[in-house]
Amino acid sequence: MREVKKDSPPAPVANLIDKLVTYVNPKEGARRMMARQVMAISGGYHGGGKSRAPMRNFNPFGGSPEVDINLDLPELRPRSRDLARNAPPATAAIGVNVSSVVGTGLSMQPRIHRDVLKLEDTRAEAWEANTRRRFEVWASSHLCDAEMTSNFYELQAVAFRSMLESGDVFSMLPQIQRPGWPFRLAVQLLEADRVSNPDFRADTANIVGGIEVGHYGEPVFCHVSNRHPGSINRAGLTWKKVAFVGGKSGRRNVLHMFEVLRPNQKRGVPYLAPVIEQLKQLERYTDAELQAAVISAAFAVFIKMDPQAFQDLFEDDDTRNTFLQKGMQWDGSLDSGQAVNLLPGEEISAATPGRPNSEFDPFVTALFRQIGMALELPYEVLVHHFQSSYTAARAAMLSAWRVFRRRREFLSSKFCQPIYETWLAEEVAAGHIAAPGFFADPIVRAAWCGTKWTGDAPGVLDPMKEANAAEKRLDIGITTLDAESIAHDGEDWESKHKQQVKEKNMRRKDGLIDAPSAPAPAAPGESSAGNPDGGTTPPPPPSENNG
């Protein structure tokens, strides 16, 4: 078959500057023409070519994760935190994530693998109940915090918020012996800035952003400063080298929580990084509109005096000077009901502000939609305003909760579960919890460490519709009572079942509900079911032989 060749691109035409350069320096002129030829060649994607005008000056640098991320972190972190403090949209975006992902905290429910451990249901349930009870004692106390400030559920919110604002967060797991406290494990949260290269030196081949990596790029050590680099007193700032995992024991010493966006990435990117510029511009625009509206709303009276009348009224120089000094004290600010004396010859000339601006809300709404898309938040969820139909509002909530559930799973796997496994290992080592084979076999250890982390439910827009849908799912067998119970309010079905039995028994005992009625007495020679022999099984239907 004859090969079909594509038409070659047309040869570039030299312009006047090319001709002048070629005349003065033929070598440089040839280089310019070759560059033009290369620019004329492109593949099938317009976004990869440079001959089209929109792409001609679009030349981003293809840097590594260290270049594209780490070099910008010193600016991204403080800007992100400032917006989270002072810009309402940024505050709302981070707040709705923390409230929806963490809420009142993710609670642990042991779910050990009974088949692997060869445990009967009764023994397994007893082990799970005892372990959950002991972990709840540790998690609900502020003694689980190295700083003795927050309990474990509050630490989850602080860690997740810090990761969103700064890009990543570190958790050290020291062992602290406190008087009268049976647990030694504690959690110490470190803000991202405290992990950096010693003396703020540049990255090297094996130390990137304060993380010292091994042969395959795995984190081995982190370099932690003794105080925050942004503290008032930076004198005596030193760094300590801490191993992520103990060399002999294999115990976790440090947890690093961040979202991996690129291979070989070592530090996290703040959640607001893609929209920092838009949020800052929106903040400035909002402030300008607010100030214009305040000025427009102020009512002031300006007293203008003719220069000749000024000379005629004030013949005394002292009186004239006093009037002039008072007039010069006005700084241009306006207050409602203010009367301002202008200097002779002065007059107010200003454009009418025309505020409130009727175009403010549509413009800001359009910008909010773009910010919400970048942050994976529907507009209605970002602004907490649901004014459309039930279907549209539910679609927005479902879209947001897909993201929240993913981040909840991320939080549980990167923060909650590793801490629980470390706590359980110490409990087993201390003999407080029996777990045969825990330290001998990794598979057996994983079976003992099985859990389910549950959090607050998303809530419902129409309780009746949601209840009917749950009932239908149960009827056709695609869900369970336990799954529906957890999805409803985060509490397992077994606990509710026990409470319901307790409540019904108490209400029956106190006469609030009637006891179940006894079966009616049977007639002589017959049981209540109509069985002549007095049994409870109904008699069989007559057959053709005895009928």
Protein backbone atom coordinates (compact mmCIF):
# COMPACT_ATOMS: atom_id res chain seq x y z
CA MET A 1 0.00 0.00 0.00
CA ARG A 2 1.28 3.39 -0.88
CA GLU A 3 2.16 5.49 2.14
CA VAL A 4 0.23 8.72 2.45
CA LYS A 5 2.32 11.56 3.78
CA LYS A 6 0.89 14.51 5.59
CA ASP A 7 1.42 17.89 4.07
CA SER A 8 4.36 19.61 5.69
CA PRO A 9 3.69 22.95 7.33
CA PRO A 10 4.36 25.98 5.16
CA ALA A 11 7.80 27.52 5.48
CA PRO A 12 7.80 30.56 7.74
CA VAL A 13 8.03 33.93 6.04
CA ALA A 14 10.77 36.23 7.32
CA ASN A 15 9.54 39.60 8.51
CA LEU A 16 11.49 42.87 8.51
CA ILE A 17 13.12 42.17 11.90
CA ASP A 18 14.16 38.67 10.78
CA LYS A 19 15.78 40.16 7.68
CA LEU A 20 17.65 42.76 9.70
CA VAL A 21 18.92 40.17 12.19
CA THR A 22 19.99 37.86 9.35
CA TYR A 23 21.86 40.72 7.66
CA VAL A 24 23.78 41.60 10.85
CA ASN A 25 24.19 38.03 12.22
CA PRO A 26 23.32 35.25 9.76
CA LYS A 27 23.72 32.55 12.44
CA GLU A 28 21.22 34.20 14.77
CA GLY A 29 18.87 34.81 11.87
CA ALA A 30 18.92 31.10 10.98
CA ARG A 31 18.19 30.24 14.61
CA ARG A 32 15.17 32.57 14.63
CA MET A 33 13.79 31.00 11.45
CA MET A 34 14.26 27.50 12.87
CA ALA A 35 12.39 28.51 16.03
CA ARG A 36 9.55 29.82 13.89
CA GLN A 37 9.46 26.51 12.02
CA VAL A 38 9.23 24.55 15.30
CA MET A 39 6.43 26.79 16.55
CA ALA A 40 4.48 26.16 13.35
CA ILE A 41 4.53 22.39 13.98
CA SER A 42 1.93 21.09 16.47
CA GLY A 43 0.12 17.86 17.29
CA GLY A 44 -3.59 17.16 17.32
CA TYR A 45 -4.35 19.17 20.45
CA HIS A 46 -4.76 22.91 20.15
CA GLY A 47 -3.76 23.21 23.78
CA GLY A 48 -0.31 21.84 22.95
CA GLY A 49 0.40 24.11 20.02
CA LYS A 50 1.89 27.60 20.00
CA SER A 51 0.77 28.85 16.61
CA ARG A 52 -2.68 29.91 17.86
CA ALA A 53 -2.90 33.31 19.50
CA PRO A 54 -4.46 32.20 22.85
CA MET A 55 -1.65 29.67 23.42
CA ARG A 56 1.26 31.73 22.15
CA ASN A 57 2.16 33.27 25.52
CA PHE A 58 0.91 30.37 27.64
CA ASN A 59 4.20 28.75 28.65
CA PRO A 60 3.98 27.27 32.17
CA PHE A 61 7.05 25.59 33.58
CA GLY A 62 6.76 21.82 34.03
CA GLY A 63 8.36 21.60 37.46
CA SER A 64 8.59 18.69 39.85
CA PRO A 65 6.30 18.48 42.90
CA GLU A 66 9.08 20.02 44.98
CA VAL A 67 9.34 22.98 42.60
CA ASP A 68 5.64 23.49 41.89
CA ILE A 69 4.53 22.99 45.52
CA ASN A 70 7.32 23.51 48.03
CA LEU A 71 8.58 26.80 46.60
CA ASP A 72 5.12 28.37 46.97
CA LEU A 73 4.25 26.98 50.41
CA PRO A 74 5.85 29.87 52.37
CA GLU A 75 3.31 32.19 50.70
CA LEU A 76 0.38 29.81 50.26
CA ARG A 77 0.10 28.89 53.95
CA PRO A 78 -0.14 32.38 55.51
CA ARG A 79 -2.41 33.60 52.72
CA SER A 80 -4.71 30.62 53.14
CA ARG A 81 -4.90 31.13 56.91
CA ASP A 82 -5.56 34.84 56.51
CA LEU A 83 -8.44 34.19 54.13
CA ALA A 84 -9.81 31.52 56.47
CA ARG A 85 -9.85 34.13 59.25
CA ASN A 86 -11.08 37.21 57.37
CA ALA A 87 -12.82 36.22 54.11
CA PRO A 88 -16.37 34.92 54.67
CA PRO A 89 -16.41 32.58 51.62
CA ALA A 90 -13.14 30.96 52.70
CA THR A 91 -14.35 30.67 56.28
CA ALA A 92 -17.57 29.04 55.05
CA ALA A 93 -15.77 26.60 52.73
CA ILE A 94 -13.48 25.31 55.46
CA GLY A 95 -16.19 25.41 58.11
CA VAL A 96 -18.68 23.33 56.13
CA ASN A 97 -16.00 20.71 55.48
CA VAL A 98 -15.06 20.43 59.14
CA SER A 99 -18.70 20.39 60.28
CA SER A 100 -19.74 17.77 57.71
CA VAL A 101 -16.67 15.52 57.68
CA VAL A 102 -15.86 15.57 61.41
CA GLY A 103 -18.91 17.10 63.10
CA THR A 104 -18.99 15.88 66.69
CA GLY A 105 -16.22 13.40 65.89
CA LEU A 106 -15.81 10.00 64.26
CA SER A 107 -16.53 7.22 66.74
CA MET A 108 -14.89 3.80 66.66
CA GLN A 109 -16.81 0.53 66.48
CA PRO A 110 -14.64 -2.64 66.60
CA ARG A 111 -15.32 -5.03 63.75
CA ILE A 112 -12.82 -7.84 64.21
CA HIS A 113 -12.55 -10.59 61.59
CA ARG A 114 -14.05 -13.51 63.45
CA ASP A 115 -13.34 -16.09 60.76
CA VAL A 116 -9.63 -15.33 60.74
CA LEU A 117 -9.47 -15.35 64.53
CA LYS A 118 -11.78 -18.38 64.80
CA LEU A 119 -13.91 -16.73 67.47
CA GLU A 120 -17.48 -17.54 68.30
CA ASP A 121 -19.97 -14.70 68.02
CA THR A 122 -20.46 -14.49 71.79
CA ARG A 123 -16.75 -14.17 72.53
CA ALA A 124 -16.20 -11.76 69.65
CA GLU A 125 -19.04 -9.50 70.77
CA ALA A 126 -17.74 -9.50 74.34
CA TRP A 127 -14.24 -8.58 73.12
CA GLU A 128 -15.58 -5.78 70.93
CA ALA A 129 -17.72 -4.36 73.74
CA ASN A 130 -14.82 -4.35 76.20
CA THR A 131 -12.39 -2.79 73.70
CA ARG A 132 -14.88 -0.12 72.66
CA ARG A 133 -15.58 0.72 76.30
CA ARG A 134 -11.87 1.13 77.14
CA PHE A 135 -11.13 3.16 74.01
CA GLU A 136 -14.06 5.46 74.75
CA VAL A 137 -12.57 6.19 78.18
CA TRP A 138 -9.31 7.24 76.52
CA ALA A 139 -10.90 9.13 73.62
CA SER A 140 -13.41 11.14 75.65
CA SER A 141 -10.78 12.48 78.07
CA HIS A 142 -8.55 15.51 77.49
CA LEU A 143 -5.69 13.39 78.86
CA CYS A 144 -5.35 11.80 75.43
CA ASP A 145 -4.02 15.17 74.24
CA ALA A 146 -0.35 15.83 75.00
CA GLU A 147 -1.30 19.44 75.74
CA MET A 148 -4.32 18.30 77.82
CA THR A 149 -6.59 20.67 75.90
CA SER A 150 -8.89 18.56 73.72
CA ASN A 151 -10.34 15.08 73.65
CA PHE A 152 -9.82 12.75 70.70
CA TYR A 153 -12.94 13.92 68.86
CA GLU A 154 -11.93 17.56 69.18
CA LEU A 155 -8.42 16.68 68.02
CA GLN A 156 -9.94 15.26 64.83
CA ALA A 157 -11.53 18.63 64.03
CA VAL A 158 -8.34 20.58 64.80
CA ALA A 159 -6.18 18.23 62.72
CA PHE A 160 -8.55 18.27 59.75
CA ARG A 161 -8.96 22.06 59.84
CA SER A 162 -5.20 22.53 60.06
CA MET A 163 -4.70 20.26 57.05
CA LEU A 164 -7.21 22.26 55.01
CA GLU A 165 -5.68 25.61 55.93
CA SER A 166 -1.98 24.68 55.78
CA GLY A 167 -1.95 21.74 53.37
CA ASP A 168 -0.79 19.14 55.87
CA VAL A 169 -0.57 18.45 59.59
CA PHE A 170 1.68 16.23 61.71
CA SER A 171 0.72 14.17 64.75
CA MET A 172 3.33 12.88 67.15
CA LEU A 173 2.41 9.92 69.37
CA PRO A 174 4.46 10.20 72.58
CA GLN A 175 4.02 7.97 75.62
CA ILE A 176 3.23 10.03 78.73
CA GLN A 177 2.68 8.50 82.14
CA ARG A 178 0.09 10.51 84.07
CA PRO A 179 -0.78 9.81 87.72
CA GLY A 180 -3.90 7.66 88.07
CA TRP A 181 -4.34 7.35 84.30
CA PRO A 182 -4.15 3.81 82.89
CA PHE A 183 -3.14 4.83 79.36
CA ARG A 184 0.20 6.15 78.16
CA LEU A 185 -0.56 7.06 74.55
CA ALA A 186 -1.03 10.77 73.81
CA VAL A 187 -1.47 12.80 70.62
CA GLN A 188 0.52 15.96 69.94
CA LEU A 189 -0.53 17.99 66.89
CA LEU A 190 2.13 19.96 65.00
CA GLU A 191 1.32 22.71 62.51
CA ALA A 192 2.89 22.27 59.09
CA ASP A 193 5.43 25.09 59.59
CA ARG A 194 7.18 23.25 62.41
CA VAL A 195 8.46 20.59 60.02
CA SER A 196 11.12 22.11 57.77
CA ASN A 197 14.69 21.71 56.69
CA PRO A 198 17.14 22.46 59.56
CA ASP A 199 18.14 26.14 59.55
CA PHE A 200 15.75 26.59 56.58
CA ARG A 201 18.33 25.19 54.18
CA ALA A 202 17.40 24.36 50.60
CA ASP A 203 16.03 20.95 49.66
CA THR A 204 18.49 18.19 48.88
CA ALA A 205 18.23 14.81 47.21
CA ASN A 206 17.06 13.11 50.42
CA ILE A 207 15.56 15.97 52.50
CA VAL A 208 12.54 17.69 50.98
CA GLY A 209 10.44 20.15 52.97
CA GLY A 210 11.73 18.79 56.27
CA ILE A 211 11.00 15.16 55.26
CA GLU A 212 13.99 12.84 54.99
CA VAL A 213 13.22 10.05 52.54
CA GLY A 214 14.65 6.61 51.91
CA HIS A 215 15.77 4.80 48.78
CA TYR A 216 12.24 4.54 47.32
CA GLY A 217 11.14 8.00 48.41
CA GLU A 218 9.38 6.73 51.55
CA PRO A 219 9.39 9.10 54.56
CA VAL A 220 11.92 7.96 57.15
CA PHE A 221 12.54 10.99 59.38
CA CYS A 222 11.02 14.43 59.85
CA HIS A 223 12.86 17.45 61.18
CA VAL A 224 10.76 19.24 63.81
CA SER A 225 11.61 22.69 65.18
CA ASN A 226 11.33 23.24 68.94
CA ARG A 227 8.84 26.09 68.39
CA HIS A 228 6.80 27.63 65.60
CA PRO A 229 9.02 29.59 63.17
CA GLY A 230 6.44 32.37 63.21
CA SER A 231 6.57 32.88 66.97
CA ILE A 232 7.64 36.21 68.42
CA ASN A 233 10.87 34.81 69.82
CA ARG A 234 12.77 32.88 67.16
CA ALA A 235 16.03 32.94 69.07
CA GLY A 236 17.40 29.52 69.81
CA LEU A 237 15.34 27.79 67.13
CA THR A 238 16.55 24.19 66.88
CA TRP A 239 15.44 21.07 65.02
CA LYS A 240 14.96 17.50 66.23
CA LYS A 241 15.16 14.48 63.95
CA VAL A 242 12.21 12.13 64.62
CA ALA A 243 11.67 8.75 63.00
CA PHE A 244 8.24 8.11 61.51
CA VAL A 245 8.39 4.47 62.62
CA GLY A 246 10.50 2.95 65.36
CA GLY A 247 13.40 0.96 63.94
CA LYS A 248 13.12 -2.01 66.31
CA SER A 249 9.54 -1.90 67.56
CA GLY A 250 7.84 -0.80 64.33
CA ARG A 251 5.71 1.59 66.41
CA ARG A 252 4.35 4.69 64.72
CA ASN A 253 5.91 7.83 66.15
CA VAL A 254 4.67 10.44 63.65
CA LEU A 255 1.60 10.65 61.40
CA HIS A 256 1.62 12.93 58.36
CA MET A 257 -1.83 13.78 57.00
CA PHE A 258 -2.06 15.44 53.59
CA GLU A 259 -3.81 14.80 50.28
CA VAL A 260 -1.53 13.38 47.61
CA LEU A 261 -2.13 15.12 44.28
CA ARG A 262 1.01 14.06 42.39
CA PRO A 263 3.44 11.15 42.52
CA ASN A 264 6.52 11.76 44.68
CA GLN A 265 4.75 14.59 46.51
CA LYS A 266 6.12 15.12 50.03
CA ARG A 267 4.14 18.11 51.37
CA GLY A 268 0.50 19.05 51.11
CA VAL A 269 -1.20 21.93 49.30
CA PRO A 270 -3.67 24.19 51.16
CA TYR A 271 -7.30 23.55 50.29
CA LEU A 272 -7.83 27.17 49.19
CA ALA A 273 -4.70 27.33 46.99
CA PRO A 274 -6.53 27.23 43.61
CA VAL A 275 -8.82 30.15 44.55
CA ILE A 276 -6.63 32.35 46.76
CA GLU A 277 -6.40 35.10 44.14
CA GLN A 278 -10.14 35.08 43.44
CA LEU A 279 -11.01 35.11 47.14
CA LYS A 280 -8.70 38.04 47.85
CA GLN A 281 -10.03 40.04 44.91
CA LEU A 282 -13.58 39.26 46.00
CA GLU A 283 -12.77 40.44 49.52
CA ARG A 284 -11.41 43.74 48.21
CA TYR A 285 -14.38 44.21 45.88
CA THR A 286 -16.84 43.53 48.68
CA ASP A 287 -15.08 46.01 50.99
CA ALA A 288 -15.12 48.68 48.26
CA GLU A 289 -18.85 48.15 47.61
CA LEU A 290 -19.60 48.25 51.32
CA GLN A 291 -17.63 51.46 51.80
CA ALA A 292 -19.37 53.06 48.81
CA ALA A 293 -22.76 52.09 50.21
CA VAL A 294 -21.87 53.56 53.61
CA ILE A 295 -20.74 56.83 52.05
CA SER A 296 -23.84 56.97 49.86
CA ALA A 297 -26.04 56.45 52.91
CA ALA A 298 -24.38 59.22 54.92
CA PHE A 299 -26.31 62.54 54.95
CA ALA A 300 -24.13 65.61 55.38
CA VAL A 301 -24.63 69.35 54.85
CA PHE A 302 -21.86 71.45 53.31
CA ILE A 303 -21.78 75.18 54.03
CA LYS A 304 -20.17 77.09 51.19
CA MET A 305 -19.07 80.72 51.66
CA ASP A 306 -18.31 83.26 48.93
CA PRO A 307 -14.71 84.63 49.19
CA GLN A 308 -15.85 88.28 49.04
CA ALA A 309 -18.48 87.66 51.72
CA PHE A 310 -15.78 86.04 53.86
CA GLN A 311 -13.69 89.21 53.71
CA ASP A 312 -16.68 91.40 54.53
CA LEU A 313 -17.92 89.28 57.46
CA PHE A 314 -14.59 88.78 59.20
CA GLU A 315 -12.60 91.99 59.31
CA ASP A 316 -10.56 90.84 62.29
CA ASP A 317 -7.57 88.68 61.30
CA ASP A 318 -7.78 86.56 64.47
CA THR A 319 -11.43 85.65 63.81
CA ARG A 320 -10.68 84.96 60.17
CA ASN A 321 -7.75 82.70 61.08
CA THR A 322 -9.84 80.79 63.64
CA PHE A 323 -12.49 80.07 61.00
CA LEU A 324 -9.84 78.93 58.52
CA GLN A 325 -8.21 76.60 61.04
CA LYS A 326 -11.52 74.91 61.85
CA GLY A 327 -12.24 74.46 58.14
CA MET A 328 -8.85 72.87 57.52
CA GLN A 329 -9.43 70.31 60.30
CA TRP A 330 -11.97 68.39 58.18
CA ASP A 331 -10.26 65.21 56.91
CA GLY A 332 -12.82 64.41 54.23
CA SER A 333 -14.69 61.73 56.22
CA LEU A 334 -18.49 61.79 56.37
CA ASP A 335 -20.86 61.03 59.21
CA SER A 336 -24.61 60.93 59.05
CA GLY A 337 -26.10 64.30 60.06
CA GLN A 338 -22.74 66.10 59.83
CA ALA A 339 -22.45 69.80 58.93
CA VAL A 340 -19.16 70.73 57.28
CA ASN A 341 -17.87 74.29 56.83
CA LEU A 342 -15.92 74.53 53.60
CA LEU A 343 -13.11 77.01 53.14
CA PRO A 344 -13.82 80.14 51.11
CA GLY A 345 -13.80 79.28 47.43
CA GLU A 346 -14.15 75.50 48.03
CA GLU A 347 -17.03 73.43 46.78
CA ILE A 348 -17.92 69.73 46.74
CA SER A 349 -17.73 68.06 43.31
CA ALA A 350 -18.16 64.27 43.33
CA ALA A 351 -19.79 61.63 41.18
CA THR A 352 -22.92 60.02 42.55
CA PRO A 353 -21.92 56.57 43.90
CA GLY A 354 -25.24 54.98 43.00
CA ARG A 355 -25.14 52.41 45.79
CA PRO A 356 -26.29 49.79 46.57
CA ASN A 357 -25.02 48.40 43.25
CA SER A 358 -27.73 46.36 41.53
CA GLU A 359 -25.09 44.28 39.71
CA PHE A 360 -23.25 43.30 42.89
CA ASP A 361 -25.25 40.19 43.72
CA PRO A 362 -25.29 38.60 40.21
CA PHE A 363 -21.55 39.16 39.82
CA VAL A 364 -20.68 37.77 43.26
CA THR A 365 -23.02 34.81 42.72
CA ALA A 366 -21.26 33.92 39.46
CA LEU A 367 -17.90 34.14 41.22
CA PHE A 368 -19.14 31.97 44.09
CA ARG A 369 -20.14 29.30 41.60
CA GLN A 370 -16.63 29.19 40.14
CA ILE A 371 -15.06 29.07 43.60
CA GLY A 372 -17.44 26.29 44.60
CA MET A 373 -16.52 24.25 41.53
CA ALA A 374 -12.83 24.49 42.38
CA LEU A 375 -13.45 23.50 46.01
CA GLU A 376 -15.90 20.67 45.12
CA LEU A 377 -18.73 22.46 46.89
CA PRO A 378 -22.07 23.14 45.20
CA TYR A 379 -23.09 26.79 45.31
CA GLU A 380 -26.04 26.10 47.61
CA VAL A 381 -23.81 24.30 50.14
CA LEU A 382 -21.08 26.95 49.97
CA VAL A 383 -23.43 29.87 50.71
CA HIS A 384 -25.83 27.84 52.91
CA HIS A 385 -28.79 29.01 50.84
CA PHE A 386 -31.32 26.56 49.38
CA GLN A 387 -33.98 28.40 47.43
CA SER A 388 -34.57 26.02 44.52
CA SER A 389 -36.76 22.94 44.36
CA TYR A 390 -36.52 19.91 46.61
CA THR A 391 -34.93 17.90 43.80
CA ALA A 392 -32.25 20.52 43.11
CA ALA A 393 -31.50 20.98 46.81
CA ARG A 394 -31.22 17.24 47.32
CA ALA A 395 -28.94 16.93 44.29
CA ALA A 396 -26.66 19.61 45.73
CA MET A 397 -26.54 17.86 49.11
CA LEU A 398 -25.82 14.46 47.54
CA SER A 399 -23.05 15.94 45.42
CA ALA A 400 -21.46 17.54 48.47
CA TRP A 401 -21.80 14.43 50.61
CA ARG A 402 -19.98 12.30 48.06
CA VAL A 403 -16.99 14.54 48.69
CA PHE A 404 -17.55 14.65 52.45
CA ARG A 405 -17.71 10.86 52.67
CA ARG A 406 -14.47 10.54 50.74
CA ARG A 407 -12.77 12.99 53.08
CA ARG A 408 -14.27 11.26 56.10
CA GLU A 409 -12.74 8.00 54.91
CA PHE A 410 -9.46 9.84 54.38
CA LEU A 411 -9.53 11.20 57.93
CA SER A 412 -10.32 7.83 59.44
CA SER A 413 -7.58 6.01 57.50
CA LYS A 414 -4.84 8.63 57.91
CA PHE A 415 -5.53 9.81 61.46
CA CYS A 416 -8.09 7.85 63.46
CA GLN A 417 -7.23 4.26 62.52
CA PRO A 418 -3.42 4.56 62.98
CA ILE A 419 -3.93 6.11 66.40
CA TYR A 420 -6.39 3.38 67.40
CA GLU A 421 -4.00 0.65 66.24
CA THR A 422 -1.20 2.21 68.28
CA TRP A 423 -3.49 2.43 71.33
CA LEU A 424 -4.61 -1.19 70.91
CA ALA A 425 -1.03 -2.43 70.56
CA GLU A 426 -0.11 -0.76 73.85
CA GLU A 427 -3.19 -2.19 75.56
CA VAL A 428 -2.35 -5.70 74.36
CA ALA A 429 1.30 -5.30 75.37
CA ALA A 430 0.25 -4.13 78.84
CA GLY A 431 -2.06 -7.14 79.26
CA HIS A 432 -5.24 -5.05 79.52
CA ILE A 433 -6.76 -6.61 76.38
CA ALA A 434 -6.26 -10.21 75.31
CA ALA A 435 -5.45 -10.67 71.63
CA PRO A 436 -3.58 -13.95 70.96
CA GLY A 437 -1.12 -13.76 68.06
CA PHE A 438 -1.31 -9.94 67.89
CA PHE A 439 2.47 -9.42 67.68
CA ALA A 440 3.31 -12.73 66.04
CA ASP A 441 1.37 -12.55 62.76
CA PRO A 442 0.59 -9.37 60.75
CA ILE A 443 -2.57 -10.97 59.35
CA VAL A 444 -3.84 -11.84 62.82
CA ARG A 445 -2.97 -8.34 64.01
CA ALA A 446 -4.95 -6.80 61.16
CA ALA A 447 -7.89 -9.04 62.08
CA TRP A 448 -7.84 -7.76 65.67
CA CYS A 449 -7.59 -4.15 64.46
CA GLY A 450 -10.70 -4.23 62.28
CA THR A 451 -12.97 -1.22 62.89
CA LYS A 452 -15.76 0.87 61.47
CA TRP A 453 -15.59 4.65 61.97
CA THR A 454 -18.93 6.44 61.94
CA GLY A 455 -19.77 10.12 62.10
CA ASP A 456 -22.74 12.43 62.07
CA ALA A 457 -25.44 11.75 59.51
CA PRO A 458 -25.98 14.22 56.65
CA GLY A 459 -29.55 14.96 57.71
CA VAL A 460 -32.63 14.80 55.55
CA LEU A 461 -34.64 17.34 53.59
CA ASP A 462 -37.90 15.38 53.70
CA PRO A 463 -38.00 12.87 56.62
CA MET A 464 -41.04 11.02 55.29
CA LYS A 465 -39.52 10.43 51.86
CA GLU A 466 -36.24 9.29 53.39
CA ALA A 467 -38.03 6.90 55.77
CA ASN A 468 -40.08 5.39 52.95
CA ALA A 469 -36.94 4.96 50.86
CA ALA A 470 -35.14 3.22 53.73
CA GLU A 471 -38.10 0.89 54.24
CA LYS A 472 -38.10 0.02 50.53
CA ARG A 473 -34.36 -0.71 50.58
CA LEU A 474 -34.89 -3.06 53.52
CA ASP A 475 -37.80 -4.82 51.80
CA ILE A 476 -35.84 -5.62 48.65
CA GLY A 477 -32.78 -6.67 50.63
CA ILE A 478 -30.10 -4.22 49.45
CA THR A 479 -29.35 -2.83 52.91
CA THR A 480 -29.47 -3.78 56.60
CA LEU A 481 -30.92 -2.28 59.73
CA ASP A 482 -27.41 -1.57 60.98
CA ALA A 483 -26.40 0.24 57.77
CA GLU A 484 -29.60 2.31 57.74
CA SER A 485 -29.21 3.14 61.42
CA ILE A 486 -25.64 4.37 60.95
CA ALA A 487 -26.61 6.38 57.87
CA HIS A 488 -29.47 7.96 59.82
CA ASP A 489 -27.62 9.28 62.88
CA GLY A 490 -24.29 7.46 63.11
CA GLU A 491 -25.35 5.01 65.86
CA ASP A 492 -25.37 1.26 65.32
CA TRP A 493 -28.62 -0.71 65.28
CA GLU A 494 -27.63 -3.07 68.09
CA SER A 495 -27.35 -0.27 70.63
CA LYS A 496 -30.74 1.08 69.60
CA HIS A 497 -32.28 -2.37 69.77
CA LYS A 498 -31.10 -2.91 73.34
CA GLN A 499 -32.39 0.51 74.34
CA GLN A 500 -35.77 -0.14 72.71
CA VAL A 501 -36.14 -3.45 74.58
CA LYS A 502 -35.27 -1.72 77.83
CA GLU A 503 -37.73 1.12 77.21
CA LYS A 504 -40.61 -1.17 76.21
CA ASN A 505 -40.10 -3.41 79.23
CA MET A 506 -40.07 -0.43 81.57
CA ARG A 507 -43.17 1.11 79.97
CA ARG A 508 -44.99 -2.24 80.18
CA LYS A 509 -43.95 -2.63 83.82
CA ASP A 510 -45.23 0.84 84.71
CA GLY A 511 -48.53 0.30 82.89
CA LEU A 512 -47.90 2.80 80.09
CA ILE A 513 -48.50 0.12 77.46
CA ASP A 514 -50.64 -3.01 77.66
CA ALA A 515 -49.07 -6.41 78.13
CA PRO A 516 -49.50 -8.86 75.24
CA SER A 517 -52.89 -10.56 75.52
CA ALA A 518 -53.00 -14.28 76.41
CA PRO A 519 -54.55 -16.73 73.92
CA ALA A 520 -58.29 -17.43 74.41
CA PRO A 521 -59.12 -20.64 76.37
CA ALA A 522 -59.84 -23.64 74.21
CA ALA A 523 -63.20 -25.38 74.20
CA PRO A 524 -63.41 -28.82 75.86
CA GLY A 525 -61.63 -31.39 73.69
CA GLU A 526 -60.10 -28.71 71.45
CA SER A 527 -57.01 -26.54 71.50
CA SER A 528 -57.05 -22.85 70.84
CA ALA A 529 -55.84 -23.60 67.34
CA GLY A 530 -58.65 -26.05 66.71
CA ASN A 531 -56.44 -29.13 67.07
CA PRO A 532 -58.31 -31.95 68.87
CA ASP A 533 -55.16 -33.36 70.42
CA GLY A 534 -54.46 -30.09 72.24
CA GLY A 535 -51.28 -29.27 70.34
CA THR A 536 -50.36 -25.92 68.94
CA THR A 537 -49.97 -27.08 65.38
CA PRO A 538 -53.13 -26.63 63.31
CA PRO A 539 -54.62 -29.86 61.96
CA PRO A 540 -53.77 -30.76 58.37
CA PRO A 541 -56.40 -30.15 55.71
CA PRO A 542 -58.64 -33.13 54.97
CA SER A 543 -57.45 -35.33 52.18
CA GLU A 544 -59.53 -37.06 49.55
CA ASN A 545 -59.20 -40.37 51.44
CA ASN A 546 -60.67 -39.13 54.70
CA GLY A 547 -62.98 -36.55 53.34
